[in-house]
Amino acid sequence: MAEERKKVRSLDDLKKIKESTADLTSARSEQDKVKIIIGMGTCGIAAGAREIMNAVLRELDVRKLHNVAVETTGCIGMCQNEPLLDVIRPGEPRITYCAVTPSDVSRIVSEHVVNGRIVQEKLYGRAD
């Protein structure tokens, strides 16, 4: 499915886009928001982080979750575990998921972001 892109032909078009995405961009500065952080260093991108980012944005849109900030980070030295996705819920520790696939995103959002239950089998350092 191709992403729909809005064409900007005037300043008014740009203002409309800004207004329609205000919830997404304003969430970045608020401390009471859940954060999803995706590793977008070259190692993450090579491992599929762009697809993870797209899946996260789609899932948040489908669920109409506007209280979630989506951020990116560069390489943190765990290249062998990419793509990485972190979830930070207010007042809780940062949880790192590794080897995330687009099909994992719905479950991580549903279980962890929405309901606060960590998806154990996708945790970094889990020995199976």
Protein backbone atom coordinates (compact mmCIF):
# COMPACT_ATOMS: atom_id res chain seq x y z
CA MET A 1 0.00 0.00 0.00
CA ALA A 2 1.56 3.29 -1.06
CA GLU A 3 1.66 6.12 1.44
CA GLU A 4 -0.57 9.03 0.63
CA ARG A 5 1.42 12.26 0.49
CA LYS A 6 -0.16 15.67 0.79
CA LYS A 7 1.00 18.17 -1.80
CA VAL A 8 1.96 21.60 -0.57
CA ARG A 9 1.15 24.21 -3.16
CA SER A 10 0.69 27.24 -0.94
CA LEU A 11 1.28 28.60 2.52
CA ASP A 12 -2.35 27.76 3.35
CA ASP A 13 -1.72 24.10 2.44
CA LEU A 14 1.28 24.07 4.78
CA LYS A 15 -0.75 25.64 7.61
CA LYS A 16 -3.49 23.00 7.18
CA ILE A 17 -0.95 20.19 7.41
CA LYS A 18 0.59 21.77 10.50
CA GLU A 19 -2.82 22.06 12.18
CA SER A 20 -3.81 18.49 11.30
CA THR A 21 -0.59 17.08 12.82
CA ALA A 22 -0.43 19.32 15.88
CA ASP A 23 -1.30 16.45 18.23
CA LEU A 24 1.64 14.42 16.97
CA THR A 25 4.22 17.17 17.16
CA SER A 26 3.09 18.71 20.44
CA ALA A 27 3.39 15.36 22.20
CA ARG A 28 7.18 15.47 21.94
CA SER A 29 7.58 18.05 24.68
CA GLU A 30 5.06 16.74 27.20
CA GLN A 31 6.32 14.64 30.09
CA ASP A 32 3.04 12.78 30.68
CA LYS A 33 3.06 11.16 27.25
CA VAL A 34 4.13 7.65 26.41
CA LYS A 35 7.22 7.65 24.18
CA ILE A 36 8.13 5.21 21.46
CA ILE A 37 11.73 5.55 20.32
CA ILE A 38 12.93 3.82 17.17
CA GLY A 39 16.60 3.24 16.40
CA MET A 40 17.19 4.95 13.07
CA GLY A 41 20.97 4.79 12.79
CA THR A 42 22.31 3.32 9.57
CA CYS A 43 22.35 -0.12 11.22
CA GLY A 44 18.69 0.20 12.21
CA ILE A 45 17.64 1.45 8.80
CA ALA A 46 19.51 -1.40 7.11
CA ALA A 47 17.69 -3.86 9.41
CA GLY A 48 14.24 -2.43 8.61
CA ALA A 49 13.68 0.47 11.03
CA ARG A 50 11.84 2.54 8.41
CA GLU A 51 9.23 -0.19 8.11
CA ILE A 52 8.96 -0.27 11.90
CA MET A 53 8.48 3.50 12.00
CA ASN A 54 5.75 3.30 9.35
CA ALA A 55 4.04 0.44 11.21
CA VAL A 56 4.12 2.40 14.49
CA LEU A 57 2.65 5.52 12.89
CA ARG A 58 -0.09 3.45 11.18
CA GLU A 59 -0.94 1.62 14.41
CA LEU A 60 -1.18 4.84 16.40
CA ASP A 61 -3.35 6.35 13.69
CA VAL A 62 -5.68 3.33 13.50
CA ARG A 63 -6.05 3.32 17.29
CA LYS A 64 -6.36 7.12 17.37
CA LEU A 65 -3.66 7.33 20.05
CA HIS A 66 -2.66 10.98 20.25
CA ASN A 67 -0.98 10.75 23.64
CA VAL A 68 2.10 8.97 22.27
CA ALA A 69 5.28 10.72 21.17
CA VAL A 70 7.25 8.96 18.45
CA GLU A 71 10.95 9.78 18.40
CA THR A 72 14.07 8.47 16.72
CA THR A 73 17.58 7.85 17.95
CA GLY A 74 20.84 6.97 16.29
CA CYS A 75 22.95 3.89 16.80
CA ILE A 76 23.38 2.85 20.44
CA GLY A 77 25.84 0.03 19.75
CA MET A 78 23.44 -2.90 19.67
CA CYS A 79 23.50 -3.33 15.89
CA GLN A 80 23.12 -7.10 16.08
CA ASN A 81 19.70 -6.63 17.74
CA GLU A 82 18.21 -4.15 15.27
CA PRO A 83 15.57 -3.00 14.62
CA LEU A 84 15.19 -1.64 18.14
CA LEU A 85 12.06 -0.07 19.57
CA ASP A 86 11.90 1.43 23.05
CA VAL A 87 8.77 2.20 25.03
CA ILE A 88 8.79 4.65 27.92
CA ARG A 89 5.59 4.96 29.92
CA PRO A 90 5.45 7.83 32.44
CA GLY A 91 6.95 6.76 35.75
CA GLU A 92 8.18 3.43 34.37
CA PRO A 93 11.62 2.30 33.15
CA ARG A 94 12.60 2.39 29.48
CA ILE A 95 11.95 -0.99 27.86
CA THR A 96 13.96 -2.03 24.80
CA TYR A 97 12.51 -4.45 22.29
CA CYS A 98 14.86 -6.06 19.79
CA ALA A 99 14.59 -7.72 16.39
CA VAL A 100 11.23 -6.01 15.99
CA THR A 101 9.26 -6.80 12.85
CA PRO A 102 6.35 -4.81 11.46
CA SER A 103 4.01 -7.60 12.59
CA ASP A 104 5.27 -7.15 16.21
CA VAL A 105 4.27 -3.49 16.32
CA SER A 106 0.52 -4.01 16.80
CA ARG A 107 1.10 -6.29 19.77
CA ILE A 108 3.69 -4.00 21.37
CA VAL A 109 1.34 -1.02 21.04
CA SER A 110 -1.68 -2.97 22.27
CA GLU A 111 0.00 -4.79 25.13
CA HIS A 112 2.64 -2.35 26.34
CA VAL A 113 1.76 1.15 25.18
CA VAL A 114 -1.97 0.86 25.86
CA ASN A 115 -2.21 -1.72 28.65
CA GLY A 116 1.20 -1.54 30.36
CA ARG A 117 2.07 -5.21 29.85
CA ILE A 118 5.59 -5.85 28.59
CA VAL A 119 5.90 -8.20 25.60
CA GLN A 120 8.45 -10.51 27.21
CA GLU A 121 9.57 -12.50 24.16
CA LYS A 122 10.74 -9.35 22.31
CA LEU A 123 12.85 -8.00 25.18
CA TYR A 124 16.52 -7.27 24.72
CA GLY A 125 18.67 -9.85 26.48
CA ARG A 126 15.98 -12.50 26.74
CA ALA A 127 17.49 -15.96 26.62
CA ASP A 128 15.12 -18.49 25.09
